[in-house]
Amino acid sequence: MPTLSASPIPGSLTVQMEGILDLDDDRLFEFCRRNRDLRVERTSAGELLLMSPAGGKTSNLNLKIASQLAVWAERDGSGEAFDSSGGFILPNGAMRSPDAAWVEHARLRRLTREQRERFLPLCPTFIVELRSPSDGLATVQRKMGEYIDNGTRLGWLIDPIENQIHVYRPGVEAEVLQQPTALAADPELPHFVLDLDRIWDPSW
């Protein structure tokens, strides 16, 4: 039987699968399809992280971020945006679902029709992770490092708890910005600017 253990992420459960019930990418996709009420990720070690759906405030902020990215992507036309329900198989074998992501059309066109219907076998070029009240900062920072190590060129960790943004790029230390009102993604995403007033707004 798979072994269940407490996860370092509050509100989630780690399932030790290795050597007992190994899920390849197709079986993992089917598992997630049959358990739509769970948010599932897989670590590079083959562990499954089972997480409950996001709370109302986090869900609302996720939508505000993803919708701005989607509008820019439609206008720019050089790639596609993805929301938090999309899964990506990283080169290290992990399956991750960033809160928002973007990938160039040139990379997406290399995928088969079947691959496009399942978890995409690539690491997004750009990702955003939003820290929720249940996320430990160190845990999300490690995940950001994993994205960069696997090919992400620009990553934003938005922390509404500390009113900070951690900006990640390959080969340099993360830059921490204190409550910026807007953040530009140049040169990786030309002319994309995230309006952060809507993120820091404490109105509800």
N, C-alpha and C. Protein backbone atom coordinates (compact mmCIF):
# COMPACT_ATOMS: atom_id res chain seq x y z
N MET A 1 0.84 -1.20 0.00
CA MET A 1 0.00 0.00 0.00
C MET A 1 0.87 1.25 0.00
N PRO A 2 0.47 2.29 -0.71
CA PRO A 2 1.21 3.55 -0.64
C PRO A 2 1.25 4.08 0.78
N THR A 3 2.33 4.74 1.16
CA THR A 3 2.51 5.27 2.50
C THR A 3 2.12 6.74 2.54
N LEU A 4 1.27 7.09 3.50
CA LEU A 4 0.85 8.47 3.67
C LEU A 4 1.68 9.11 4.77
N SER A 5 2.05 10.36 4.58
CA SER A 5 2.81 11.08 5.60
C SER A 5 2.43 12.54 5.57
N ALA A 6 2.70 13.21 6.70
CA ALA A 6 2.45 14.65 6.75
C ALA A 6 3.36 15.36 5.77
N SER A 7 2.84 16.39 5.15
CA SER A 7 3.61 17.16 4.18
C SER A 7 4.15 18.41 4.84
N PRO A 8 5.30 18.93 4.36
CA PRO A 8 5.78 20.22 4.87
C PRO A 8 4.86 21.37 4.50
N ILE A 9 3.93 21.13 3.59
CA ILE A 9 2.97 22.15 3.20
C ILE A 9 1.70 21.95 4.00
N PRO A 10 1.32 22.86 4.92
CA PRO A 10 0.08 22.68 5.67
C PRO A 10 -1.11 22.53 4.73
N GLY A 11 -2.03 21.64 5.11
CA GLY A 11 -3.21 21.45 4.29
C GLY A 11 -2.99 20.51 3.13
N SER A 12 -1.85 19.81 3.11
CA SER A 12 -1.58 18.88 2.03
C SER A 12 -1.08 17.57 2.63
N LEU A 13 -1.04 16.54 1.80
CA LEU A 13 -0.64 15.22 2.21
C LEU A 13 0.35 14.68 1.20
N THR A 14 1.44 14.06 1.69
CA THR A 14 2.43 13.45 0.81
C THR A 14 2.18 11.96 0.76
N VAL A 15 2.12 11.40 -0.45
CA VAL A 15 1.92 9.97 -0.64
C VAL A 15 3.21 9.39 -1.21
N GLN A 16 3.85 8.49 -0.45
CA GLN A 16 5.08 7.84 -0.89
C GLN A 16 4.71 6.69 -1.83
N MET A 17 5.07 6.82 -3.11
CA MET A 17 4.65 5.85 -4.12
C MET A 17 5.79 4.98 -4.64
N GLU A 18 7.01 5.46 -4.55
CA GLU A 18 8.13 4.82 -5.23
C GLU A 18 8.31 3.38 -4.78
N GLY A 19 8.41 2.48 -5.73
CA GLY A 19 8.62 1.06 -5.44
C GLY A 19 7.37 0.32 -5.04
N ILE A 20 6.25 1.03 -4.88
CA ILE A 20 4.99 0.39 -4.49
C ILE A 20 3.98 0.50 -5.62
N LEU A 21 3.74 1.72 -6.03
CA LEU A 21 2.81 1.97 -7.12
C LEU A 21 3.34 3.15 -7.91
N ASP A 22 4.22 2.88 -8.85
CA ASP A 22 4.81 3.95 -9.64
C ASP A 22 3.83 4.40 -10.71
N LEU A 23 3.53 5.69 -10.73
CA LEU A 23 2.63 6.25 -11.73
C LEU A 23 3.45 6.92 -12.82
N ASP A 24 3.33 6.39 -14.06
CA ASP A 24 3.96 7.09 -15.16
C ASP A 24 3.10 8.31 -15.50
N ASP A 25 3.52 9.08 -16.48
CA ASP A 25 2.83 10.34 -16.77
C ASP A 25 1.38 10.11 -17.16
N ASP A 26 1.10 9.06 -17.94
CA ASP A 26 -0.27 8.78 -18.37
C ASP A 26 -1.14 8.37 -17.20
N ARG A 27 -0.62 7.52 -16.32
CA ARG A 27 -1.40 7.09 -15.15
C ARG A 27 -1.61 8.24 -14.18
N LEU A 28 -0.62 9.10 -14.05
CA LEU A 28 -0.78 10.27 -13.20
C LEU A 28 -1.89 11.17 -13.74
N PHE A 29 -1.91 11.36 -15.06
CA PHE A 29 -2.97 12.18 -15.66
C PHE A 29 -4.34 11.58 -15.38
N GLU A 30 -4.46 10.26 -15.50
CA GLU A 30 -5.74 9.60 -15.25
C GLU A 30 -6.13 9.70 -13.78
N PHE A 31 -5.15 9.58 -12.87
CA PHE A 31 -5.42 9.74 -11.45
C PHE A 31 -5.99 11.13 -11.16
N CYS A 32 -5.37 12.14 -11.74
CA CYS A 32 -5.84 13.51 -11.52
C CYS A 32 -7.22 13.73 -12.15
N ARG A 33 -7.45 13.12 -13.30
CA ARG A 33 -8.75 13.26 -13.96
C ARG A 33 -9.86 12.68 -13.11
N ARG A 34 -9.57 11.59 -12.41
CA ARG A 34 -10.58 10.93 -11.58
C ARG A 34 -10.73 11.56 -10.20
N ASN A 35 -9.82 12.45 -9.84
CA ASN A 35 -9.86 13.10 -8.53
C ASN A 35 -9.78 14.61 -8.71
N ARG A 36 -10.77 15.13 -9.39
CA ARG A 36 -10.75 16.55 -9.78
C ARG A 36 -10.85 17.49 -8.59
N ASP A 37 -11.33 17.00 -7.44
CA ASP A 37 -11.45 17.88 -6.28
C ASP A 37 -10.12 18.10 -5.58
N LEU A 38 -9.09 17.36 -5.98
CA LEU A 38 -7.77 17.52 -5.39
C LEU A 38 -6.85 18.29 -6.33
N ARG A 39 -5.95 19.06 -5.75
CA ARG A 39 -4.85 19.66 -6.50
C ARG A 39 -3.65 18.74 -6.28
N VAL A 40 -3.13 18.17 -7.35
CA VAL A 40 -2.10 17.15 -7.26
C VAL A 40 -0.83 17.63 -7.95
N GLU A 41 0.30 17.41 -7.30
CA GLU A 41 1.60 17.59 -7.92
C GLU A 41 2.44 16.36 -7.61
N ARG A 42 3.49 16.14 -8.41
CA ARG A 42 4.42 15.04 -8.18
C ARG A 42 5.82 15.61 -8.07
N THR A 43 6.55 15.18 -7.04
CA THR A 43 7.92 15.65 -6.89
C THR A 43 8.84 14.85 -7.81
N SER A 44 10.07 15.30 -7.94
CA SER A 44 11.04 14.60 -8.77
C SER A 44 11.37 13.23 -8.20
N ALA A 45 11.09 13.02 -6.90
CA ALA A 45 11.33 11.72 -6.26
C ALA A 45 10.16 10.77 -6.43
N GLY A 46 9.09 11.21 -7.10
CA GLY A 46 7.94 10.36 -7.33
C GLY A 46 6.87 10.44 -6.27
N GLU A 47 7.03 11.31 -5.28
CA GLU A 47 6.00 11.49 -4.25
C GLU A 47 4.85 12.31 -4.82
N LEU A 48 3.63 11.95 -4.41
CA LEU A 48 2.47 12.75 -4.77
C LEU A 48 2.14 13.71 -3.65
N LEU A 49 1.89 14.96 -4.00
CA LEU A 49 1.41 15.97 -3.05
C LEU A 49 -0.06 16.20 -3.33
N LEU A 50 -0.91 15.87 -2.36
CA LEU A 50 -2.35 16.04 -2.50
C LEU A 50 -2.76 17.25 -1.69
N MET A 51 -3.33 18.24 -2.36
CA MET A 51 -3.66 19.51 -1.72
C MET A 51 -5.14 19.82 -1.91
N SER A 52 -5.72 20.44 -0.92
CA SER A 52 -7.12 20.84 -1.03
C SER A 52 -7.25 22.03 -1.96
N PRO A 53 -8.45 22.30 -2.50
CA PRO A 53 -8.63 23.49 -3.34
C PRO A 53 -8.26 24.77 -2.60
N ALA A 54 -7.93 25.80 -3.35
CA ALA A 54 -7.52 27.08 -2.76
C ALA A 54 -8.69 27.75 -2.05
N GLY A 55 -8.38 28.54 -1.03
CA GLY A 55 -9.39 29.34 -0.37
C GLY A 55 -9.87 30.48 -1.26
N GLY A 56 -10.93 31.13 -0.84
CA GLY A 56 -11.56 32.15 -1.67
C GLY A 56 -10.64 33.29 -2.04
N LYS A 57 -9.90 33.84 -1.07
CA LYS A 57 -9.03 34.98 -1.34
C LYS A 57 -7.91 34.59 -2.30
N THR A 58 -7.28 33.44 -2.05
CA THR A 58 -6.20 32.99 -2.93
C THR A 58 -6.72 32.72 -4.33
N SER A 59 -7.89 32.10 -4.44
CA SER A 59 -8.48 31.83 -5.74
C SER A 59 -8.74 33.12 -6.51
N ASN A 60 -9.24 34.13 -5.80
CA ASN A 60 -9.52 35.41 -6.44
C ASN A 60 -8.24 36.08 -6.94
N LEU A 61 -7.16 36.03 -6.13
CA LEU A 61 -5.90 36.63 -6.54
C LEU A 61 -5.29 35.86 -7.71
N ASN A 62 -5.40 34.53 -7.68
CA ASN A 62 -4.92 33.73 -8.81
C ASN A 62 -5.59 34.17 -10.10
N LEU A 63 -6.90 34.36 -10.04
CA LEU A 63 -7.64 34.77 -11.23
C LEU A 63 -7.19 36.13 -11.72
N LYS A 64 -6.97 37.08 -10.81
CA LYS A 64 -6.53 38.41 -11.20
C LYS A 64 -5.18 38.37 -11.91
N ILE A 65 -4.30 37.50 -11.44
CA ILE A 65 -2.98 37.38 -12.06
C ILE A 65 -3.08 36.70 -13.42
N ALA A 66 -3.75 35.54 -13.45
CA ALA A 66 -3.84 34.76 -14.69
C ALA A 66 -4.60 35.51 -15.78
N SER A 67 -5.61 36.28 -15.40
CA SER A 67 -6.39 37.00 -16.41
C SER A 67 -5.56 38.10 -17.06
N GLN A 68 -4.71 38.78 -16.30
CA GLN A 68 -3.84 39.80 -16.89
C GLN A 68 -2.84 39.16 -17.85
N LEU A 69 -2.30 38.01 -17.47
CA LEU A 69 -1.37 37.32 -18.35
C LEU A 69 -2.07 36.86 -19.62
N ALA A 70 -3.30 36.36 -19.48
CA ALA A 70 -4.04 35.87 -20.65
C ALA A 70 -4.33 37.00 -21.63
N VAL A 71 -4.70 38.16 -21.12
CA VAL A 71 -4.99 39.31 -22.00
C VAL A 71 -3.74 39.71 -22.76
N TRP A 72 -2.60 39.78 -22.06
CA TRP A 72 -1.34 40.12 -22.74
C TRP A 72 -1.00 39.08 -23.80
N ALA A 73 -1.14 37.79 -23.46
CA ALA A 73 -0.78 36.72 -24.41
C ALA A 73 -1.61 36.79 -25.68
N GLU A 74 -2.89 37.12 -25.55
CA GLU A 74 -3.74 37.25 -26.73
C GLU A 74 -3.28 38.40 -27.62
N ARG A 75 -2.91 39.50 -26.99
CA ARG A 75 -2.46 40.66 -27.76
C ARG A 75 -1.09 40.43 -28.38
N ASP A 76 -0.20 39.78 -27.65
CA ASP A 76 1.17 39.56 -28.13
C ASP A 76 1.21 38.50 -29.23
N GLY A 77 0.51 37.42 -29.04
CA GLY A 77 0.38 36.40 -30.06
C GLY A 77 1.54 35.45 -30.24
N SER A 78 2.58 35.54 -29.41
CA SER A 78 3.75 34.68 -29.61
C SER A 78 3.74 33.43 -28.74
N GLY A 79 2.73 33.28 -27.88
CA GLY A 79 2.67 32.12 -27.01
C GLY A 79 1.30 31.99 -26.38
N GLU A 80 1.20 31.03 -25.44
CA GLU A 80 -0.06 30.75 -24.77
C GLU A 80 0.10 30.86 -23.26
N ALA A 81 -0.95 31.37 -22.61
CA ALA A 81 -0.97 31.46 -21.16
C ALA A 81 -1.76 30.29 -20.58
N PHE A 82 -1.43 29.92 -19.34
CA PHE A 82 -2.07 28.81 -18.65
C PHE A 82 -2.39 29.21 -17.22
N ASP A 83 -3.53 28.67 -16.71
CA ASP A 83 -3.90 28.98 -15.33
C ASP A 83 -3.43 27.86 -14.40
N SER A 84 -3.88 27.91 -13.14
CA SER A 84 -3.37 27.00 -12.12
C SER A 84 -3.85 25.56 -12.28
N SER A 85 -4.78 25.31 -13.19
CA SER A 85 -5.26 23.94 -13.38
C SER A 85 -4.39 23.15 -14.35
N GLY A 86 -3.44 23.81 -15.01
CA GLY A 86 -2.58 23.14 -15.99
C GLY A 86 -1.38 22.47 -15.34
N GLY A 87 -1.08 21.25 -15.77
CA GLY A 87 0.08 20.52 -15.26
C GLY A 87 1.20 20.47 -16.27
N PHE A 88 2.45 20.53 -15.78
CA PHE A 88 3.63 20.47 -16.63
C PHE A 88 4.58 19.40 -16.10
N ILE A 89 5.04 18.52 -16.99
CA ILE A 89 6.04 17.52 -16.62
C ILE A 89 7.42 18.14 -16.86
N LEU A 90 8.15 18.39 -15.80
CA LEU A 90 9.46 19.03 -15.90
C LEU A 90 10.52 18.00 -16.30
N PRO A 91 11.66 18.46 -16.82
CA PRO A 91 12.72 17.53 -17.20
C PRO A 91 13.18 16.62 -16.08
N ASN A 92 13.07 17.04 -14.81
CA ASN A 92 13.50 16.20 -13.69
C ASN A 92 12.45 15.17 -13.28
N GLY A 93 11.31 15.13 -14.00
CA GLY A 93 10.27 14.15 -13.71
C GLY A 93 9.15 14.66 -12.83
N ALA A 94 9.33 15.82 -12.20
CA ALA A 94 8.27 16.38 -11.38
C ALA A 94 7.10 16.84 -12.25
N MET A 95 5.90 16.80 -11.69
CA MET A 95 4.73 17.40 -12.34
C MET A 95 4.30 18.56 -11.46
N ARG A 96 4.33 19.75 -12.00
CA ARG A 96 3.99 20.95 -11.25
C ARG A 96 2.87 21.72 -11.94
N SER A 97 2.13 22.47 -11.13
CA SER A 97 1.02 23.29 -11.63
C SER A 97 1.18 24.70 -11.10
N PRO A 98 1.96 25.54 -11.77
CA PRO A 98 2.12 26.92 -11.29
C PRO A 98 0.80 27.67 -11.36
N ASP A 99 0.68 28.74 -10.60
CA ASP A 99 -0.57 29.49 -10.56
C ASP A 99 -0.85 30.21 -11.87
N ALA A 100 0.19 30.54 -12.61
CA ALA A 100 0.05 31.09 -13.96
C ALA A 100 1.34 30.76 -14.70
N ALA A 101 1.23 30.57 -16.01
CA ALA A 101 2.42 30.20 -16.80
C ALA A 101 2.24 30.66 -18.23
N TRP A 102 3.35 30.73 -18.93
CA TRP A 102 3.35 31.11 -20.35
C TRP A 102 4.42 30.33 -21.08
N VAL A 103 4.09 29.90 -22.31
CA VAL A 103 5.02 29.13 -23.15
C VAL A 103 4.91 29.65 -24.58
N GLU A 104 6.05 29.77 -25.26
CA GLU A 104 6.07 30.23 -26.64
C GLU A 104 5.40 29.21 -27.58
N HIS A 105 4.77 29.72 -28.65
CA HIS A 105 4.16 28.85 -29.65
C HIS A 105 5.19 27.92 -30.29
N ALA A 106 6.42 28.41 -30.49
CA ALA A 106 7.45 27.59 -31.13
C ALA A 106 7.69 26.30 -30.36
N ARG A 107 7.63 26.37 -29.03
CA ARG A 107 7.83 25.18 -28.21
C ARG A 107 6.57 24.31 -28.20
N LEU A 108 5.42 24.92 -28.16
CA LEU A 108 4.17 24.16 -28.13
C LEU A 108 3.94 23.41 -29.44
N ARG A 109 4.38 23.97 -30.54
CA ARG A 109 4.16 23.31 -31.84
C ARG A 109 4.95 22.01 -31.97
N ARG A 110 5.96 21.83 -31.15
CA ARG A 110 6.72 20.58 -31.20
C ARG A 110 5.98 19.42 -30.55
N LEU A 111 4.92 19.70 -29.83
CA LEU A 111 4.17 18.67 -29.13
C LEU A 111 3.14 18.03 -30.06
N THR A 112 2.89 16.76 -29.84
CA THR A 112 1.85 16.08 -30.61
C THR A 112 0.48 16.49 -30.09
N ARG A 113 -0.55 16.15 -30.86
CA ARG A 113 -1.92 16.45 -30.43
C ARG A 113 -2.22 15.77 -29.09
N GLU A 114 -1.78 14.51 -28.95
CA GLU A 114 -2.02 13.78 -27.70
C GLU A 114 -1.31 14.43 -26.53
N GLN A 115 -0.06 14.88 -26.74
CA GLN A 115 0.68 15.53 -25.66
C GLN A 115 -0.01 16.82 -25.21
N ARG A 116 -0.61 17.55 -26.14
CA ARG A 116 -1.28 18.80 -25.79
C ARG A 116 -2.53 18.57 -24.95
N GLU A 117 -3.11 17.38 -25.04
CA GLU A 117 -4.33 17.06 -24.30
C GLU A 117 -4.03 16.60 -22.87
N ARG A 118 -2.75 16.32 -22.57
CA ARG A 118 -2.37 15.84 -21.25
C ARG A 118 -1.44 16.85 -20.58
N PHE A 119 -0.79 16.45 -19.49
CA PHE A 119 0.16 17.36 -18.88
C PHE A 119 1.26 17.65 -19.90
N LEU A 120 1.57 18.91 -20.10
CA LEU A 120 2.53 19.28 -21.13
C LEU A 120 3.94 18.86 -20.70
N PRO A 121 4.66 18.13 -21.55
CA PRO A 121 5.99 17.64 -21.19
C PRO A 121 7.07 18.70 -21.44
N LEU A 122 7.00 19.77 -20.68
CA LEU A 122 7.99 20.84 -20.78
C LEU A 122 7.90 21.73 -19.55
N CYS A 123 8.93 22.53 -19.37
CA CYS A 123 8.93 23.51 -18.28
C CYS A 123 8.54 24.87 -18.85
N PRO A 124 7.55 25.55 -18.26
CA PRO A 124 7.13 26.84 -18.80
C PRO A 124 8.28 27.85 -18.86
N THR A 125 8.22 28.72 -19.84
CA THR A 125 9.20 29.79 -19.98
C THR A 125 9.06 30.82 -18.86
N PHE A 126 7.81 31.08 -18.48
CA PHE A 126 7.50 32.07 -17.44
C PHE A 126 6.49 31.47 -16.50
N ILE A 127 6.69 31.64 -15.20
CA ILE A 127 5.72 31.12 -14.23
C ILE A 127 5.49 32.15 -13.12
N VAL A 128 4.31 32.05 -12.52
CA VAL A 128 3.97 32.84 -11.34
C VAL A 128 3.46 31.88 -10.27
N GLU A 129 3.98 32.00 -9.08
CA GLU A 129 3.45 31.30 -7.92
C GLU A 129 2.97 32.33 -6.91
N LEU A 130 1.78 32.11 -6.39
CA LEU A 130 1.20 33.01 -5.39
C LEU A 130 1.25 32.30 -4.04
N ARG A 131 1.90 32.91 -3.08
CA ARG A 131 1.98 32.31 -1.75
C ARG A 131 0.64 32.47 -1.04
N SER A 132 0.07 31.34 -0.61
CA SER A 132 -1.17 31.37 0.14
C SER A 132 -0.86 31.35 1.64
N PRO A 133 -1.85 31.63 2.50
CA PRO A 133 -1.59 31.63 3.94
C PRO A 133 -1.06 30.30 4.48
N SER A 134 -1.32 29.19 3.79
CA SER A 134 -0.87 27.88 4.27
C SER A 134 0.51 27.50 3.73
N ASP A 135 1.10 28.33 2.87
CA ASP A 135 2.39 28.00 2.26
C ASP A 135 3.54 28.53 3.10
N GLY A 136 4.47 27.67 3.45
CA GLY A 136 5.71 28.13 4.05
C GLY A 136 6.57 28.79 2.99
N LEU A 137 7.18 29.93 3.31
CA LEU A 137 7.95 30.66 2.31
C LEU A 137 9.10 29.81 1.75
N ALA A 138 9.81 29.10 2.62
CA ALA A 138 10.95 28.31 2.16
C ALA A 138 10.51 27.22 1.18
N THR A 139 9.33 26.64 1.41
CA THR A 139 8.82 25.59 0.53
C THR A 139 8.56 26.14 -0.87
N VAL A 140 7.93 27.31 -0.95
CA VAL A 140 7.64 27.89 -2.26
C VAL A 140 8.92 28.36 -2.93
N GLN A 141 9.88 28.85 -2.16
CA GLN A 141 11.16 29.26 -2.73
C GLN A 141 11.89 28.08 -3.36
N ARG A 142 11.83 26.91 -2.71
CA ARG A 142 12.45 25.72 -3.28
C ARG A 142 11.79 25.33 -4.61
N LYS A 143 10.47 25.47 -4.65
CA LYS A 143 9.76 25.16 -5.89
C LYS A 143 10.17 26.13 -7.00
N MET A 144 10.34 27.41 -6.66
CA MET A 144 10.79 28.39 -7.65
C MET A 144 12.17 28.01 -8.19
N GLY A 145 13.06 27.60 -7.30
CA GLY A 145 14.37 27.17 -7.73
C GLY A 145 14.31 25.97 -8.66
N GLU A 146 13.38 25.07 -8.40
CA GLU A 146 13.20 23.90 -9.27
C GLU A 146 12.79 24.33 -10.68
N TYR A 147 11.87 25.27 -10.77
CA TYR A 147 11.47 25.77 -12.10
C TYR A 147 12.67 26.33 -12.86
N ILE A 148 13.45 27.16 -12.19
CA ILE A 148 14.60 27.78 -12.84
C ILE A 148 15.62 26.71 -13.27
N ASP A 149 15.87 25.74 -12.41
CA ASP A 149 16.81 24.68 -12.73
C ASP A 149 16.36 23.84 -13.92
N ASN A 150 15.05 23.82 -14.17
CA ASN A 150 14.50 22.99 -15.24
C ASN A 150 14.18 23.76 -16.52
N GLY A 151 14.51 25.04 -16.55
CA GLY A 151 14.39 25.76 -17.82
C GLY A 151 13.55 27.02 -17.82
N THR A 152 12.87 27.35 -16.73
CA THR A 152 12.13 28.60 -16.68
C THR A 152 13.09 29.78 -16.77
N ARG A 153 12.76 30.76 -17.59
CA ARG A 153 13.63 31.92 -17.78
C ARG A 153 13.27 33.08 -16.86
N LEU A 154 12.02 33.13 -16.40
CA LEU A 154 11.58 34.18 -15.49
C LEU A 154 10.49 33.63 -14.59
N GLY A 155 10.65 33.82 -13.28
CA GLY A 155 9.63 33.37 -12.33
C GLY A 155 9.36 34.43 -11.30
N TRP A 156 8.09 34.60 -10.98
CA TRP A 156 7.69 35.55 -9.94
C TRP A 156 7.01 34.80 -8.81
N LEU A 157 7.52 34.96 -7.62
CA LEU A 157 6.86 34.48 -6.40
C LEU A 157 6.21 35.69 -5.75
N ILE A 158 4.88 35.73 -5.81
CA ILE A 158 4.13 36.85 -5.24
C ILE A 158 3.69 36.48 -3.84
N ASP A 159 4.10 37.27 -2.88
CA ASP A 159 3.84 36.99 -1.46
C ASP A 159 2.97 38.11 -0.87
N PRO A 160 1.65 37.94 -0.90
CA PRO A 160 0.77 38.98 -0.33
C PRO A 160 0.80 39.01 1.18
N ILE A 161 1.42 38.02 1.82
CA ILE A 161 1.53 38.02 3.28
C ILE A 161 2.56 39.05 3.73
N GLU A 162 3.70 39.08 3.02
CA GLU A 162 4.77 40.04 3.34
C GLU A 162 4.77 41.23 2.37
N ASN A 163 3.82 41.26 1.43
CA ASN A 163 3.76 42.33 0.42
C ASN A 163 5.07 42.43 -0.36
N GLN A 164 5.57 41.27 -0.78
CA GLN A 164 6.83 41.21 -1.52
C GLN A 164 6.67 40.39 -2.79
N ILE A 165 7.57 40.64 -3.73
CA ILE A 165 7.71 39.78 -4.91
C ILE A 165 9.16 39.35 -5.02
N HIS A 166 9.37 38.06 -5.19
CA HIS A 166 10.70 37.50 -5.42
C HIS A 166 10.82 37.20 -6.91
N VAL A 167 11.79 37.80 -7.55
CA VAL A 167 11.98 37.66 -9.00
C VAL A 167 13.15 36.71 -9.25
N TYR A 168 12.88 35.64 -10.01
CA TYR A 168 13.87 34.60 -10.27
C TYR A 168 14.25 34.58 -11.75
N ARG A 169 15.55 34.52 -11.98
CA ARG A 169 16.11 34.33 -13.32
C ARG A 169 17.30 33.38 -13.20
N PRO A 170 17.63 32.65 -14.28
CA PRO A 170 18.77 31.73 -14.21
C PRO A 170 20.08 32.45 -13.94
N GLY A 171 20.91 31.85 -13.12
CA GLY A 171 22.27 32.33 -12.93
C GLY A 171 22.44 33.50 -11.99
N VAL A 172 21.36 34.01 -11.41
CA VAL A 172 21.47 35.14 -10.47
C VAL A 172 20.60 34.86 -9.25
N GLU A 173 20.95 35.52 -8.15
CA GLU A 173 20.13 35.37 -6.95
C GLU A 173 18.79 36.05 -7.13
N ALA A 174 17.79 35.53 -6.45
CA ALA A 174 16.46 36.11 -6.52
C ALA A 174 16.47 37.55 -6.01
N GLU A 175 15.75 38.41 -6.71
CA GLU A 175 15.62 39.81 -6.31
C GLU A 175 14.30 39.97 -5.57
N VAL A 176 14.35 40.62 -4.41
CA VAL A 176 13.14 40.81 -3.60
C VAL A 176 12.69 42.27 -3.71
N LEU A 177 11.46 42.46 -4.14
CA LEU A 177 10.88 43.79 -4.30
C LEU A 177 9.79 43.99 -3.25
N GLN A 178 9.79 45.16 -2.61
CA GLN A 178 8.83 45.45 -1.55
C GLN A 178 7.61 46.19 -2.11
N GLN A 179 6.50 45.49 -2.22
CA GLN A 179 5.19 46.02 -2.62
C GLN A 179 5.26 46.96 -3.83
N PRO A 180 5.78 46.48 -4.96
CA PRO A 180 5.75 47.32 -6.17
C PRO A 180 4.31 47.48 -6.64
N THR A 181 4.00 48.57 -7.30
CA THR A 181 2.65 48.79 -7.82
C THR A 181 2.46 48.12 -9.18
N ALA A 182 3.57 47.84 -9.86
CA ALA A 182 3.52 47.17 -11.16
C ALA A 182 4.86 46.48 -11.37
N LEU A 183 4.85 45.44 -12.20
CA LEU A 183 6.08 44.71 -12.45
C LEU A 183 6.13 44.31 -13.92
N ALA A 184 7.22 44.69 -14.60
CA ALA A 184 7.38 44.38 -16.01
C ALA A 184 8.15 43.08 -16.19
N ALA A 185 7.79 42.32 -17.23
CA ALA A 185 8.41 41.02 -17.50
C ALA A 185 9.42 41.10 -18.64
N ASP A 186 9.78 42.29 -19.08
CA ASP A 186 10.79 42.44 -20.12
C ASP A 186 12.14 41.89 -19.63
N PRO A 187 12.96 41.33 -20.49
CA PRO A 187 12.73 41.13 -21.93
C PRO A 187 12.04 39.81 -22.26
N GLU A 188 11.83 38.95 -21.26
CA GLU A 188 11.30 37.62 -21.55
C GLU A 188 9.89 37.67 -22.14
N LEU A 189 9.04 38.54 -21.60
CA LEU A 189 7.68 38.74 -22.12
C LEU A 189 7.55 40.23 -22.45
N PRO A 190 7.89 40.63 -23.66
CA PRO A 190 7.94 42.06 -24.00
C PRO A 190 6.61 42.77 -23.75
N HIS A 191 6.68 43.85 -23.01
CA HIS A 191 5.55 44.75 -22.77
C HIS A 191 4.48 44.16 -21.84
N PHE A 192 4.76 43.01 -21.21
CA PHE A 192 3.80 42.52 -20.20
C PHE A 192 4.12 43.19 -18.87
N VAL A 193 3.14 43.89 -18.33
CA VAL A 193 3.28 44.56 -17.04
C VAL A 193 2.12 44.12 -16.16
N LEU A 194 2.42 43.52 -15.01
CA LEU A 194 1.39 43.07 -14.08
C LEU A 194 0.99 44.21 -13.16
N ASP A 195 -0.29 44.54 -13.14
CA ASP A 195 -0.82 45.57 -12.24
C ASP A 195 -0.97 44.95 -10.86
N LEU A 196 -0.18 45.42 -9.91
CA LEU A 196 -0.16 44.81 -8.58
C LEU A 196 -1.03 45.54 -7.57
N ASP A 197 -1.55 46.70 -7.93
CA ASP A 197 -2.47 47.38 -7.02
C ASP A 197 -3.66 46.47 -6.70
N ARG A 198 -4.08 45.68 -7.67
CA ARG A 198 -5.21 44.77 -7.49
C ARG A 198 -4.84 43.60 -6.60
N ILE A 199 -3.55 43.31 -6.48
CA ILE A 199 -3.09 42.20 -5.65
C ILE A 199 -2.94 42.62 -4.20
N TRP A 200 -2.38 43.83 -3.98
CA TRP A 200 -2.17 44.28 -2.60
C TRP A 200 -3.44 44.85 -1.98
N ASP A 201 -4.46 45.13 -2.79
CA ASP A 201 -5.69 45.74 -2.30
C ASP A 201 -6.32 44.91 -1.17
N PRO A 202 -6.42 45.48 0.05
CA PRO A 202 -6.95 44.71 1.18
C PRO A 202 -8.46 44.88 1.37
N SER A 203 -9.17 45.21 0.31
CA SER A 203 -10.58 45.59 0.44
C SER A 203 -11.49 44.46 0.93
N TRP A 204 -11.04 43.22 0.76
CA TRP A 204 -11.85 42.12 1.34
C TRP A 204 -11.00 40.92 1.70
